[in-house]
Amino acid sequence: MQTNQEARSALERRIDMTVSMADVEKEVEARLKRMARTIKMPGFRPGKVPLKIVAQTHGAQARSEAIGAAVEQAFGAAVREQDLRVAGFPLIEPKEAAYPAEALEFTAVFEVYPEVEPGDLSAQKIERPVLEVGEAEVDKTIDVLRKQRTTFVAAERAATDGDRVVIDFIGRKDGEPFEGGQGQDFPFVIGAGSMLKDFESAVAGLKAGETKTFDMTFPEDYHARQLAGQAVQFEITVKAVEAPVLPEVNADFAKALGVADGDVAKLREEVKTNLEREVKRRIQARVKEQVMNALLEVTPIEVPKALIDAEARQLADNARRDLEMRGMKTKDIPVEPAWFVEQAERRVKLGLIMAELVKKAELHAKPEQVRALVEEMAQSYEDPSELVRWYYAQPERLAQAEAVVIEDNVVAWASAQAQTTDTPVAFDELMGNNAA
């Protein structure tokens, strides 16, 4: 076997390989002999079929397998000899040869992993949000929990923001009803954003039993294209106006949120604990995003297209499974890997950079770190020990926790290398609309 390597680009390589036909024929004969020991054929006892007949019936298969094995062996030996890290699968094509040939010639084209040298982070600026959870943050969260459990009672007055109304409506375009523009006994909360703002404004101020006709123009970006930017007229009749009633923060409220004995003080303590855990998670996510951006900025690398394509396919598969879990039929919703190429390239680059950092800075996950992470995640469960046992029952599950720890180690190491400053952040700004 002879090989010759040629660099075609920064990451693409080409290897020319020569495989001896004499070696191939020896392998073909050996394969046919092994087949002859077990092959069954009418008129012959098992293992007694003449080798010549075996060659006639299975010679092509044996030769194809022998050539494939020889080429695979030659390629493997070549990349080991030249210390190449192959990314993806090689494209192997035969060359034309005179017949009969003493040797078969092949060309393998493939990509290799790039050399990664993590850049200097000392000039990178990272802001680490700082927020201490106090009584005010607990109060805000409990208010959100109360709003999630809002009930409504009939109100003998005009509808206003926050009220739930029940209406009949019909929409007309150029005097004719349009598809999707009718509804009966339709409920919605004014100000909740489930209806267009102009529609909500028209309903506000009406009492039960009142009817109103008004003109409205749909937004240019409205999801129903046939109505986008169109002027229409609605006729609405209000059938009920209901005022919101928030539950009191008492024993019943505490029990509804899982505090068995209804102790409001326990409820507040649980809310605070959960808030502290969520605040920590969000702060870590913000720092991680900044660290990843900094690593990409200081470590520009070219990555193999084969790895990007594989990652894009994986992301597309994940998206497809997510849609199926939501009850959608993915055969009717094509999910193309091409949609995820940019995200895939970022993930591949970060994966290579982080792998090099873990090796150079010895940021591997320690058993005690993994245990601490699993126990921390388990605290939000009714029986924490059950989740801990679940993680440690299978190596694949534990590997997921180890990956998180490694990522956390990289973030902590990079934050120490960069110019990291603590910056106070407002509770509402950090939590957004998910304060609960």
Protein backbone atom coordinates (compact mmCIF):
# COMPACT_ATOMS: atom_id res chain seq x y z
CA MET A 1 0.00 0.00 0.00
CA GLN A 2 1.29 3.42 -0.97
CA THR A 3 -0.19 6.83 -0.09
CA ASN A 4 0.42 10.42 -1.07
CA GLN A 5 -1.13 13.41 0.76
CA GLU A 6 -2.02 16.81 -0.71
CA ALA A 7 -3.39 19.85 1.17
CA ARG A 8 -6.18 21.40 -0.93
CA SER A 9 -7.29 24.11 1.51
CA ALA A 10 -6.95 25.05 5.18
CA LEU A 11 -8.95 22.02 6.29
CA GLU A 12 -9.47 19.88 3.20
CA ARG A 13 -7.02 17.10 2.42
CA ARG A 14 -6.56 14.67 -0.45
CA ILE A 15 -4.81 11.33 -0.17
CA ASP A 16 -3.93 9.13 -3.14
CA MET A 17 -3.77 5.44 -2.21
CA THR A 18 -2.52 2.37 -4.03
CA VAL A 19 -3.75 -1.09 -3.04
CA SER A 20 -1.93 -4.20 -4.29
CA MET A 21 -4.16 -6.50 -6.35
CA ALA A 22 -2.14 -9.47 -5.11
CA ASP A 23 -3.14 -8.60 -1.54
CA VAL A 24 -6.75 -8.14 -2.61
CA GLU A 25 -6.82 -11.55 -4.31
CA LYS A 26 -5.40 -13.21 -1.19
CA GLU A 27 -8.16 -11.63 0.87
CA VAL A 28 -10.81 -12.69 -1.68
CA GLU A 29 -9.61 -16.29 -1.46
CA ALA A 30 -9.62 -16.17 2.33
CA ARG A 31 -13.17 -14.80 2.39
CA LEU A 32 -14.41 -17.44 -0.04
CA LYS A 33 -12.88 -20.19 2.09
CA ARG A 34 -14.61 -18.82 5.18
CA MET A 35 -17.91 -18.71 3.26
CA ALA A 36 -17.45 -22.28 2.07
CA ARG A 37 -17.40 -23.55 5.67
CA THR A 38 -20.97 -22.46 6.35
CA ILE A 39 -22.68 -21.90 2.99
CA LYS A 40 -25.67 -24.08 2.15
CA MET A 41 -26.41 -25.16 -1.40
CA PRO A 42 -28.77 -27.84 -2.80
CA GLY A 43 -27.01 -31.11 -3.52
CA PHE A 44 -24.11 -30.50 -1.13
CA ARG A 45 -23.66 -31.09 2.57
CA PRO A 46 -22.93 -27.98 4.68
CA GLY A 47 -19.25 -27.09 4.38
CA LYS A 48 -18.71 -29.39 1.37
CA VAL A 49 -19.58 -26.98 -1.46
CA PRO A 50 -16.59 -26.82 -3.86
CA LEU A 51 -14.62 -23.59 -3.64
CA LYS A 52 -15.00 -23.07 -7.40
CA ILE A 53 -18.80 -23.03 -7.11
CA VAL A 54 -18.63 -20.72 -4.09
CA ALA A 55 -16.45 -18.37 -6.15
CA GLN A 56 -18.96 -18.43 -9.01
CA THR A 57 -21.89 -17.49 -6.77
CA HIS A 58 -20.23 -15.23 -4.21
CA GLY A 59 -17.01 -14.10 -5.87
CA ALA A 60 -18.27 -10.60 -6.73
CA GLN A 61 -19.43 -10.03 -3.16
CA ALA A 62 -16.14 -11.27 -1.71
CA ARG A 63 -14.10 -9.07 -4.08
CA SER A 64 -16.15 -5.99 -3.30
CA GLU A 65 -15.77 -6.58 0.43
CA ALA A 66 -12.04 -7.27 0.11
CA ILE A 67 -11.42 -4.08 -1.87
CA GLY A 68 -13.51 -2.06 0.59
CA ALA A 69 -11.59 -3.48 3.54
CA ALA A 70 -8.22 -2.86 1.85
CA VAL A 71 -9.09 0.75 1.06
CA GLU A 72 -10.39 1.35 4.57
CA GLN A 73 -7.21 -0.14 6.02
CA ALA A 74 -5.03 1.94 3.71
CA PHE A 75 -6.89 5.14 4.59
CA GLY A 76 -6.70 4.42 8.31
CA ALA A 77 -2.97 3.71 8.13
CA ALA A 78 -2.36 6.89 6.11
CA VAL A 79 -4.16 9.24 8.52
CA ARG A 80 -2.46 7.60 11.51
CA GLU A 81 0.95 7.87 9.88
CA GLN A 82 0.42 11.55 9.11
CA ASP A 83 -1.32 12.23 12.42
CA LEU A 84 -4.47 13.63 10.83
CA ARG A 85 -7.73 14.13 12.76
CA VAL A 86 -10.44 13.36 10.23
CA ALA A 87 -13.68 15.31 10.50
CA GLY A 88 -16.69 13.53 9.05
CA PHE A 89 -16.42 10.80 6.43
CA PRO A 90 -14.00 10.75 3.49
CA LEU A 91 -15.14 10.75 -0.12
CA ILE A 92 -13.27 7.84 -1.71
CA GLU A 93 -13.26 7.41 -5.49
CA PRO A 94 -11.34 4.91 -7.68
CA LYS A 95 -8.99 6.08 -10.40
CA GLU A 96 -9.02 4.67 -13.89
CA ALA A 97 -6.42 1.95 -14.35
CA ALA A 98 -5.13 -0.26 -17.15
CA TYR A 99 -6.47 -3.81 -17.22
CA PRO A 100 -5.25 -6.13 -15.90
CA ALA A 101 -3.87 -3.90 -13.14
CA GLU A 102 -1.23 -4.85 -10.61
CA ALA A 103 -2.65 -2.31 -8.20
CA LEU A 104 -5.85 -0.32 -7.63
CA GLU A 105 -5.57 3.43 -7.14
CA PHE A 106 -7.99 5.49 -5.07
CA THR A 107 -8.36 9.10 -4.01
CA ALA A 108 -9.77 10.11 -0.62
CA VAL A 109 -10.94 13.69 -0.08
CA PHE A 110 -11.80 14.71 3.47
CA GLU A 111 -11.61 17.48 6.06
CA VAL A 112 -9.50 17.62 9.20
CA TYR A 113 -10.04 19.31 12.54
CA PRO A 114 -8.46 22.75 12.85
CA GLU A 115 -5.66 23.57 15.23
CA VAL A 116 -7.27 25.60 18.01
CA GLU A 117 -5.32 28.12 20.08
CA PRO A 118 -7.69 29.91 22.49
CA GLY A 119 -7.16 33.67 22.37
CA ASP A 120 -6.30 36.15 25.12
CA LEU A 121 -9.35 37.19 27.15
CA SER A 122 -7.61 39.83 29.28
CA ALA A 123 -9.06 42.75 27.28
CA GLN A 124 -12.61 41.36 27.14
CA LYS A 125 -15.23 43.03 29.35
CA ILE A 126 -17.89 40.93 31.06
CA GLU A 127 -20.69 42.26 33.27
CA ARG A 128 -21.92 39.91 35.96
CA PRO A 129 -25.45 40.90 37.14
CA VAL A 130 -25.90 41.13 40.90
CA LEU A 131 -29.28 40.82 42.60
CA GLU A 132 -30.14 39.95 46.19
CA VAL A 133 -33.59 38.45 46.65
CA GLY A 134 -35.45 40.27 49.45
CA GLU A 135 -38.99 40.70 50.70
CA ALA A 136 -39.91 43.08 47.85
CA GLU A 137 -38.95 40.46 45.25
CA VAL A 138 -40.95 37.82 47.14
CA ASP A 139 -43.97 40.16 47.23
CA LYS A 140 -43.77 40.75 43.47
CA THR A 141 -43.58 37.04 42.79
CA ILE A 142 -46.54 36.27 45.03
CA ASP A 143 -48.52 38.96 43.19
CA VAL A 144 -47.73 37.16 39.92
CA LEU A 145 -48.89 33.88 41.47
CA ARG A 146 -52.12 35.58 42.58
CA LYS A 147 -52.75 36.93 39.09
CA GLN A 148 -52.26 33.46 37.65
CA ARG A 149 -55.15 32.33 39.87
CA THR A 150 -57.49 35.21 39.09
CA THR A 151 -61.23 34.49 39.16
CA PHE A 152 -63.92 36.68 37.62
CA VAL A 153 -67.31 37.83 38.94
CA ALA A 154 -70.13 39.58 37.12
CA ALA A 155 -69.83 43.39 37.16
CA GLU A 156 -72.78 45.75 36.63
CA ARG A 157 -70.66 48.46 35.00
CA ALA A 158 -68.78 49.36 31.86
CA ALA A 159 -65.86 47.12 30.90
CA THR A 160 -62.37 48.36 31.70
CA ASP A 161 -58.78 47.17 31.55
CA GLY A 162 -58.34 43.81 33.28
CA ASP A 163 -62.00 42.80 32.94
CA ARG A 164 -63.07 39.65 31.17
CA VAL A 165 -65.80 40.21 28.61
CA VAL A 166 -67.94 37.73 26.71
CA ILE A 167 -69.04 38.97 23.28
CA ASP A 168 -70.69 38.04 20.00
CA PHE A 169 -69.06 39.64 16.99
CA ILE A 170 -69.14 39.68 13.21
CA GLY A 171 -66.60 41.30 10.89
CA ARG A 172 -67.32 42.56 7.38
CA LYS A 173 -65.05 43.63 4.56
CA ASP A 174 -66.67 45.68 1.81
CA GLY A 175 -69.99 44.84 3.46
CA GLU A 176 -69.51 41.06 3.31
CA PRO A 177 -68.58 38.78 6.25
CA PHE A 178 -65.02 37.48 5.97
CA GLU A 179 -63.62 34.11 7.00
CA GLY A 180 -62.64 33.96 10.66
CA GLY A 181 -64.45 37.19 11.45
CA GLN A 182 -67.36 35.73 13.44
CA GLY A 183 -67.68 34.50 16.99
CA GLN A 184 -70.31 33.80 19.64
CA ASP A 185 -69.90 33.74 23.42
CA PHE A 186 -66.26 34.63 22.87
CA PRO A 187 -64.35 35.48 26.09
CA PHE A 188 -61.18 37.55 26.43
CA VAL A 189 -59.48 39.77 29.00
CA ILE A 190 -59.11 43.42 28.06
CA GLY A 191 -55.43 44.37 28.13
CA ALA A 192 -54.14 40.79 28.07
CA GLY A 193 -53.00 41.17 24.47
CA SER A 194 -54.94 38.23 23.05
CA MET A 195 -56.87 40.60 20.78
CA LEU A 196 -55.71 43.49 18.63
CA LYS A 197 -55.37 46.73 20.60
CA ASP A 198 -57.92 48.60 18.46
CA PHE A 199 -60.44 45.79 18.99
CA GLU A 200 -59.92 45.86 22.78
CA SER A 201 -60.26 49.66 22.84
CA ALA A 202 -63.61 49.42 21.05
CA VAL A 203 -64.96 46.98 23.64
CA ALA A 204 -63.74 48.97 26.65
CA GLY A 205 -66.45 51.25 28.02
CA LEU A 206 -69.36 49.02 27.01
CA LYS A 207 -71.77 47.37 29.44
CA ALA A 208 -73.47 43.97 29.18
CA GLY A 209 -76.26 44.14 26.60
CA GLU A 210 -74.75 47.01 24.61
CA THR A 211 -73.92 46.78 20.89
CA LYS A 212 -71.34 48.78 18.93
CA THR A 213 -70.23 49.01 15.31
CA PHE A 214 -66.75 50.32 14.55
CA ASP A 215 -64.18 50.49 11.76
CA MET A 216 -60.72 48.95 12.12
CA THR A 217 -57.65 48.40 9.96
CA PHE A 218 -55.60 45.23 10.40
CA PRO A 219 -51.83 45.70 10.85
CA GLU A 220 -49.63 45.30 7.79
CA ASP A 221 -47.89 42.32 9.43
CA TYR A 222 -51.09 40.54 10.46
CA HIS A 223 -50.69 36.75 10.37
CA ALA A 224 -53.71 36.24 8.08
CA ARG A 225 -52.26 37.61 4.85
CA GLN A 226 -55.64 38.15 3.20
CA LEU A 227 -56.51 40.64 5.98
CA ALA A 228 -53.10 42.32 6.47
CA GLY A 229 -53.50 46.08 6.04
CA GLN A 230 -57.21 45.72 5.17
CA ALA A 231 -59.96 48.05 6.45
CA VAL A 232 -62.93 46.19 7.95
CA GLN A 233 -65.99 46.85 10.09
CA PHE A 234 -66.95 44.95 13.22
CA GLU A 235 -70.29 44.71 14.99
CA ILE A 236 -70.00 43.53 18.59
CA THR A 237 -72.52 42.78 21.32
CA VAL A 238 -71.29 42.53 24.91
CA LYS A 239 -73.04 39.66 26.72
CA ALA A 240 -71.15 39.81 30.03
CA VAL A 241 -68.64 41.97 31.88
CA GLU A 242 -66.67 40.25 34.66
CA ALA A 243 -64.33 41.93 37.11
CA PRO A 244 -61.10 40.22 38.22
CA VAL A 245 -60.79 38.99 41.80
CA LEU A 246 -57.35 38.08 43.14
CA PRO A 247 -57.12 35.42 45.86
CA GLU A 248 -56.13 36.50 49.33
CA VAL A 249 -52.72 35.42 50.57
CA ASN A 250 -53.98 33.09 53.28
CA ALA A 251 -53.89 29.43 54.29
CA ASP A 252 -56.06 28.34 51.34
CA PHE A 253 -53.75 30.15 48.92
CA ALA A 254 -50.69 28.52 50.50
CA LYS A 255 -52.28 25.07 50.32
CA ALA A 256 -53.13 25.61 46.65
CA LEU A 257 -49.42 26.21 46.05
CA GLY A 258 -48.33 23.01 47.77
CA VAL A 259 -47.82 24.06 51.39
CA ALA A 260 -49.74 21.28 53.11
CA ASP A 261 -50.36 23.00 56.43
CA GLY A 262 -51.25 26.36 54.84
CA ASP A 263 -48.46 28.25 56.63
CA VAL A 264 -48.02 31.53 54.73
CA ALA A 265 -44.55 32.04 56.23
CA LYS A 266 -43.48 28.68 54.77
CA LEU A 267 -44.94 29.71 51.42
CA ARG A 268 -42.89 32.90 51.42
CA GLU A 269 -39.75 30.97 52.34
CA GLU A 270 -40.35 28.48 49.51
CA VAL A 271 -40.96 31.31 47.06
CA LYS A 272 -37.74 32.98 48.17
CA THR A 273 -35.74 29.75 47.80
CA ASN A 274 -37.14 29.13 44.32
CA LEU A 275 -36.51 32.76 43.37
CA GLU A 276 -32.89 32.58 44.51
CA ARG A 277 -32.41 29.46 42.41
CA GLU A 278 -33.99 31.09 39.35
CA VAL A 279 -32.04 34.34 39.82
CA LYS A 280 -28.81 32.35 40.01
CA ARG A 281 -29.71 30.46 36.83
CA ARG A 282 -30.49 33.64 34.91
CA ILE A 283 -27.32 35.38 36.05
CA GLN A 284 -25.26 32.35 35.02
CA ALA A 285 -26.99 32.35 31.61
CA ARG A 286 -26.15 36.02 31.04
CA VAL A 287 -22.52 35.57 32.02
CA LYS A 288 -22.25 32.43 29.90
CA GLU A 289 -23.56 34.25 26.82
CA GLN A 290 -20.97 37.00 27.26
CA VAL A 291 -18.17 34.48 27.80
CA MET A 292 -19.10 32.51 24.69
CA ASN A 293 -19.17 35.69 22.60
CA ALA A 294 -15.78 36.69 24.00
CA LEU A 295 -14.26 33.28 23.22
CA LEU A 296 -15.49 33.48 19.64
CA GLU A 297 -14.13 37.00 19.25
CA VAL A 298 -10.61 36.22 20.46
CA THR A 299 -10.39 32.79 18.79
CA PRO A 300 -11.30 33.05 15.11
CA ILE A 301 -11.21 29.58 13.59
CA GLU A 302 -12.36 27.86 10.44
CA VAL A 303 -14.38 24.72 11.09
CA PRO A 304 -15.01 21.68 8.86
CA LYS A 305 -18.16 21.88 6.78
CA ALA A 306 -18.81 18.23 7.62
CA LEU A 307 -19.17 19.08 11.30
CA ILE A 308 -21.44 22.05 10.57
CA ASP A 309 -23.65 19.92 8.35
CA ALA A 310 -23.89 17.18 10.98
CA GLU A 311 -24.77 19.69 13.70
CA ALA A 312 -27.38 21.38 11.48
CA ARG A 313 -29.00 18.00 10.85
CA GLN A 314 -29.05 17.33 14.58
CA LEU A 315 -30.66 20.70 15.30
CA ALA A 316 -33.26 20.05 12.60
CA ASP A 317 -34.03 16.64 14.12
CA ASN A 318 -34.42 18.24 17.55
CA ALA A 319 -36.79 20.86 16.15
CA ARG A 320 -38.79 18.15 14.40
CA ARG A 321 -39.12 16.13 17.62
CA ASP A 322 -40.16 19.26 19.49
CA LEU A 323 -42.93 19.92 16.99
CA GLU A 324 -44.10 16.31 17.26
CA MET A 325 -44.22 16.57 21.05
CA ARG A 326 -46.50 19.59 20.57
CA GLY A 327 -48.85 17.43 18.55
CA MET A 328 -47.88 18.74 15.10
CA LYS A 329 -47.44 16.52 12.06
CA THR A 330 -43.93 17.21 10.83
CA LYS A 331 -44.62 15.64 7.44
CA ASP A 332 -46.76 18.70 6.78
CA ILE A 333 -44.11 21.07 8.18
CA PRO A 334 -40.74 20.54 6.45
CA VAL A 335 -37.83 21.31 8.77
CA GLU A 336 -34.68 21.96 6.75
CA PRO A 337 -31.13 21.66 8.17
CA ALA A 338 -30.24 24.73 6.09
CA TRP A 339 -32.28 26.82 8.53
CA PHE A 340 -29.84 25.98 11.32
CA VAL A 341 -26.48 26.40 9.59
CA GLU A 342 -25.54 29.66 11.33
CA GLN A 343 -26.47 28.29 14.75
CA ALA A 344 -24.68 25.03 13.96
CA GLU A 345 -21.46 26.82 12.98
CA ARG A 346 -21.47 28.78 16.25
CA ARG A 347 -22.02 25.60 18.28
CA VAL A 348 -19.25 23.72 16.48
CA LYS A 349 -16.77 26.57 16.96
CA LEU A 350 -17.58 26.87 20.65
CA GLY A 351 -17.37 23.11 21.09
CA LEU A 352 -13.85 23.00 19.63
CA ILE A 353 -12.67 26.05 21.59
CA MET A 354 -14.08 24.77 24.87
CA ALA A 355 -12.63 21.29 24.33
CA GLU A 356 -9.16 22.84 23.92
CA LEU A 357 -9.64 25.00 27.02
CA VAL A 358 -10.75 22.03 29.10
CA LYS A 359 -7.63 20.14 28.07
CA LYS A 360 -5.15 23.01 28.53
CA ALA A 361 -6.59 24.51 31.72
CA GLU A 362 -7.65 21.14 33.19
CA LEU A 363 -11.28 22.12 33.55
CA HIS A 364 -12.66 18.58 33.61
CA ALA A 365 -15.71 17.84 35.76
CA LYS A 366 -14.83 16.53 39.20
CA PRO A 367 -17.11 13.92 40.81
CA GLU A 368 -17.93 16.21 43.73
CA GLN A 369 -18.91 19.00 41.31
CA VAL A 370 -21.25 16.68 39.43
CA ARG A 371 -22.80 15.48 42.68
CA ALA A 372 -23.34 19.03 43.90
CA LEU A 373 -25.03 20.01 40.62
CA VAL A 374 -27.36 17.00 40.63
CA GLU A 375 -28.33 17.62 44.26
CA GLU A 376 -28.97 21.30 43.50
CA MET A 377 -31.25 20.42 40.56
CA ALA A 378 -33.06 17.90 42.78
CA GLN A 379 -34.03 20.51 45.37
CA SER A 380 -37.03 21.64 43.33
CA TYR A 381 -38.50 18.10 43.44
CA GLU A 382 -40.78 16.71 46.12
CA ASP A 383 -38.36 13.83 46.72
CA PRO A 384 -34.85 15.08 45.85
CA SER A 385 -33.21 11.71 46.50
CA GLU A 386 -35.33 10.13 43.77
CA LEU A 387 -33.93 12.47 41.11
CA VAL A 388 -30.38 11.91 42.37
CA ARG A 389 -30.85 8.13 42.04
CA TRP A 390 -32.33 8.63 38.55
CA TYR A 391 -29.25 10.54 37.35
CA TYR A 392 -26.79 8.04 38.80
CA ALA A 393 -28.72 5.03 37.46
CA GLN A 394 -27.38 5.48 33.91
CA PRO A 395 -24.03 6.83 32.70
CA GLU A 396 -25.76 8.68 29.82
CA ARG A 397 -27.81 10.77 32.26
CA LEU A 398 -24.81 11.54 34.42
CA ALA A 399 -22.86 12.58 31.32
CA GLN A 400 -25.42 15.36 30.78
CA ALA A 401 -24.70 16.72 34.26
CA GLU A 402 -20.95 16.40 33.65
CA ALA A 403 -21.30 18.45 30.45
CA VAL A 404 -23.04 21.23 32.40
CA VAL A 405 -20.29 21.22 35.03
CA ILE A 406 -17.58 21.44 32.35
CA GLU A 407 -19.38 24.37 30.76
CA ASP A 408 -19.66 26.08 34.16
CA ASN A 409 -15.94 25.49 34.73
CA VAL A 410 -15.10 27.12 31.41
CA VAL A 411 -17.33 30.11 32.19
CA ALA A 412 -15.77 30.55 35.63
CA TRP A 413 -12.23 30.25 34.24
CA ALA A 414 -12.91 32.68 31.39
CA SER A 415 -14.59 35.17 33.73
CA ALA A 416 -11.44 35.16 35.85
CA GLN A 417 -9.28 35.84 32.79
CA ALA A 418 -11.45 38.68 31.48
CA GLN A 419 -12.25 42.09 32.96
CA THR A 420 -15.33 40.99 34.88
CA THR A 421 -17.30 43.53 36.90
CA ASP A 422 -20.34 43.08 39.13
CA THR A 423 -23.27 45.19 37.96
CA PRO A 424 -26.51 45.58 39.98
CA VAL A 425 -29.60 44.59 38.01
CA ALA A 426 -33.28 45.30 38.68
CA PHE A 427 -35.48 42.34 39.54
CA ASP A 428 -38.05 43.08 36.80
CA GLU A 429 -35.33 43.56 34.20
CA LEU A 430 -33.67 40.23 35.05
CA MET A 431 -36.87 38.22 35.32
CA GLY A 432 -38.85 39.82 32.51
CA ASN A 433 -42.41 38.55 32.39
CA ASN A 434 -41.55 35.29 34.18
CA ALA A 435 -41.08 36.50 37.73
CA ALA A 436 -42.90 33.45 39.05
